[in-house]
Amino acid sequence: MTKAELVTIISGKLGTEKNETQKIIEAFMQEIRGAMLEGDNVYLRGFGSFIIKTRAAKTGRNISKNTAIDIPAHNIPAFKPAKSFSDKVKAKVPVKK
């Protein structure tokens, strides 16, 4: 599902204009981004958490030059689904082969 499809579905369910719905979704995403850029996690009960994970420093390889490179420790954004949400997906969505 794309953001445009999400806007269409939500605006249809709420009976609002697509432009208004898009502004709301954009504001929602901007607030999550802003909180995470300040180092905060975002918890949405029953849905999941947008968290900041720390990756440890490690040594990698530059295959084209055949040299070792140091990859410094860094933070990445991640999503951790709520247990109830995860259980529903496991139960209802068939495994793709």
C-alpha atoms as a PDB file:
ATOM      1  CA  MET A   1       0.000   0.000   0.000  1.00  0.00           C
ATOM      2  CA  THR A   2       1.301   3.440  -0.900  1.00  0.00           C
ATOM      3  CA  LYS A   3       0.732   6.703   0.935  1.00  0.00           C
ATOM      4  CA  ALA A   4      -1.664   7.809  -1.822  1.00  0.00           C
ATOM      5  CA  GLU A   5      -3.716   4.630  -1.392  1.00  0.00           C
ATOM      6  CA  LEU A   6      -3.746   5.150   2.378  1.00  0.00           C
ATOM      7  CA  VAL A   7      -4.991   8.723   1.915  1.00  0.00           C
ATOM      8  CA  THR A   8      -7.779   7.528  -0.406  1.00  0.00           C
ATOM      9  CA  ILE A   9      -8.921   4.780   1.984  1.00  0.00           C
ATOM     10  CA  ILE A  10      -8.891   6.976   5.102  1.00  0.00           C
ATOM     11  CA  SER A  11     -10.590   9.917   3.404  1.00  0.00           C
ATOM     12  CA  GLY A  12     -13.301   7.536   2.172  1.00  0.00           C
ATOM     13  CA  LYS A  13     -13.853   6.077   5.647  1.00  0.00           C
ATOM     14  CA  LEU A  14     -13.945   9.487   7.339  1.00  0.00           C
ATOM     15  CA  GLY A  15     -15.775  11.352   4.572  1.00  0.00           C
ATOM     16  CA  THR A  16     -13.108  14.056   4.413  1.00  0.00           C
ATOM     17  CA  GLU A  17     -11.327  15.681   1.486  1.00  0.00           C
ATOM     18  CA  LYS A  18      -8.208  13.898   0.271  1.00  0.00           C
ATOM     19  CA  ASN A  19      -6.165  17.106   0.714  1.00  0.00           C
ATOM     20  CA  GLU A  20      -7.131  17.346   4.395  1.00  0.00           C
ATOM     21  CA  THR A  21      -6.450  13.658   4.991  1.00  0.00           C
ATOM     22  CA  GLN A  22      -3.055  13.962   3.313  1.00  0.00           C
ATOM     23  CA  LYS A  23      -2.171  16.941   5.536  1.00  0.00           C
ATOM     24  CA  ILE A  24      -3.099  14.917   8.626  1.00  0.00           C
ATOM     25  CA  ILE A  25      -1.030  11.914   7.544  1.00  0.00           C
ATOM     26  CA  GLU A  26       1.924  14.158   6.664  1.00  0.00           C
ATOM     27  CA  ALA A  27       1.679  15.876  10.069  1.00  0.00           C
ATOM     28  CA  PHE A  28       1.529  12.482  11.811  1.00  0.00           C
ATOM     29  CA  MET A  29       4.660  11.279  10.020  1.00  0.00           C
ATOM     30  CA  GLN A  30       6.450  14.583  10.633  1.00  0.00           C
ATOM     31  CA  GLU A  31       5.775  14.346  14.377  1.00  0.00           C
ATOM     32  CA  ILE A  32       7.157  10.804  14.489  1.00  0.00           C
ATOM     33  CA  ARG A  33      10.241  11.907  12.520  1.00  0.00           C
ATOM     34  CA  GLY A  34      10.720  14.942  14.759  1.00  0.00           C
ATOM     35  CA  ALA A  35      10.469  12.927  17.967  1.00  0.00           C
ATOM     36  CA  MET A  36      12.964  10.361  16.715  1.00  0.00           C
ATOM     37  CA  LEU A  37      15.393  13.028  15.522  1.00  0.00           C
ATOM     38  CA  GLU A  38      15.353  14.378  19.083  1.00  0.00           C
ATOM     39  CA  GLY A  39      16.250  10.890  20.360  1.00  0.00           C
ATOM     40  CA  ASP A  40      12.779   9.906  21.590  1.00  0.00           C
ATOM     41  CA  ASN A  41      10.933   6.665  20.858  1.00  0.00           C
ATOM     42  CA  VAL A  42       7.265   6.778  19.800  1.00  0.00           C
ATOM     43  CA  TYR A  43       4.898   4.221  21.357  1.00  0.00           C
ATOM     44  CA  LEU A  44       1.482   3.525  19.794  1.00  0.00           C
ATOM     45  CA  ARG A  45      -0.350   0.986  21.984  1.00  0.00           C
ATOM     46  CA  GLY A  46      -1.830  -1.903  20.040  1.00  0.00           C
ATOM     47  CA  PHE A  47       0.135  -0.974  16.912  1.00  0.00           C
ATOM     48  CA  GLY A  48       3.836  -0.813  17.731  1.00  0.00           C
ATOM     49  CA  SER A  49       6.803   1.361  18.558  1.00  0.00           C
ATOM     50  CA  PHE A  50       9.089   3.484  16.425  1.00  0.00           C
ATOM     51  CA  ILE A  51      12.413   3.065  18.191  1.00  0.00           C
ATOM     52  CA  ILE A  52      16.028   4.059  17.743  1.00  0.00           C
ATOM     53  CA  LYS A  53      18.425   1.118  17.561  1.00  0.00           C
ATOM     54  CA  THR A  54      22.162   1.443  18.022  1.00  0.00           C
ATOM     55  CA  ARG A  55      24.391  -0.539  15.701  1.00  0.00           C
ATOM     56  CA  ALA A  56      27.799  -1.424  17.122  1.00  0.00           C
ATOM     57  CA  ALA A  57      31.033  -0.476  15.381  1.00  0.00           C
ATOM     58  CA  LYS A  58      32.372  -3.194  13.109  1.00  0.00           C
ATOM     59  CA  THR A  59      34.890  -3.933  10.402  1.00  0.00           C
ATOM     60  CA  GLY A  60      33.602  -4.324   6.852  1.00  0.00           C
ATOM     61  CA  ARG A  61      35.186  -5.010   3.473  1.00  0.00           C
ATOM     62  CA  ASN A  62      35.396  -2.857   0.374  1.00  0.00           C
ATOM     63  CA  ILE A  63      35.179  -5.650  -2.181  1.00  0.00           C
ATOM     64  CA  SER A  64      36.233  -3.540  -5.171  1.00  0.00           C
ATOM     65  CA  LYS A  65      39.483  -2.425  -3.497  1.00  0.00           C
ATOM     66  CA  ASN A  66      39.876  -5.558  -1.340  1.00  0.00           C
ATOM     67  CA  THR A  67      40.488  -3.487   1.798  1.00  0.00           C
ATOM     68  CA  ALA A  68      39.086  -3.504   5.313  1.00  0.00           C
ATOM     69  CA  ILE A  69      37.067  -0.488   6.401  1.00  0.00           C
ATOM     70  CA  ASP A  70      35.879   0.537   9.854  1.00  0.00           C
ATOM     71  CA  ILE A  71      32.156   1.153  10.135  1.00  0.00           C
ATOM     72  CA  PRO A  72      31.510   3.374  13.162  1.00  0.00           C
ATOM     73  CA  ALA A  73      28.686   2.811  15.644  1.00  0.00           C
ATOM     74  CA  HIS A  74      25.504   4.517  14.510  1.00  0.00           C
ATOM     75  CA  ASN A  75      21.791   4.803  15.244  1.00  0.00           C
ATOM     76  CA  ILE A  76      19.012   3.684  12.916  1.00  0.00           C
ATOM     77  CA  PRO A  77      15.219   4.071  13.101  1.00  0.00           C
ATOM     78  CA  ALA A  78      13.270   0.836  13.491  1.00  0.00           C
ATOM     79  CA  PHE A  79       9.681  -0.319  13.931  1.00  0.00           C
ATOM     80  CA  LYS A  80       8.762  -2.950  16.505  1.00  0.00           C
ATOM     81  CA  PRO A  81       5.156  -4.191  16.138  1.00  0.00           C
ATOM     82  CA  ALA A  82       2.993  -4.692  19.217  1.00  0.00           C
ATOM     83  CA  LYS A  83       2.587  -8.336  20.246  1.00  0.00           C
ATOM     84  CA  SER A  84      -1.164  -8.311  19.540  1.00  0.00           C
ATOM     85  CA  PHE A  85      -0.564  -6.843  16.061  1.00  0.00           C
ATOM     86  CA  SER A  86       2.224  -9.317  15.338  1.00  0.00           C
ATOM     87  CA  ASP A  87       0.064 -12.254  16.465  1.00  0.00           C
ATOM     88  CA  LYS A  88      -2.800 -11.172  14.177  1.00  0.00           C
ATOM     89  CA  VAL A  89      -0.465 -10.940  11.167  1.00  0.00           C
ATOM     90  CA  LYS A  90       0.925 -14.401  11.928  1.00  0.00           C
ATOM     91  CA  ALA A  91      -2.579 -15.845  12.155  1.00  0.00           C
ATOM     92  CA  LYS A  92      -4.229 -14.138   9.170  1.00  0.00           C
ATOM     93  CA  VAL A  93      -1.559 -13.541   6.511  1.00  0.00           C
ATOM     94  CA  PRO A  94      -0.449 -16.633   4.589  1.00  0.00           C
ATOM     95  CA  VAL A  95       3.258 -17.279   4.124  1.00  0.00           C
ATOM     96  CA  LYS A  96       4.449 -16.325   0.632  1.00  0.00           C
ATOM     97  CA  LYS A  97       6.406 -18.953  -1.213  1.00  0.00           C
END
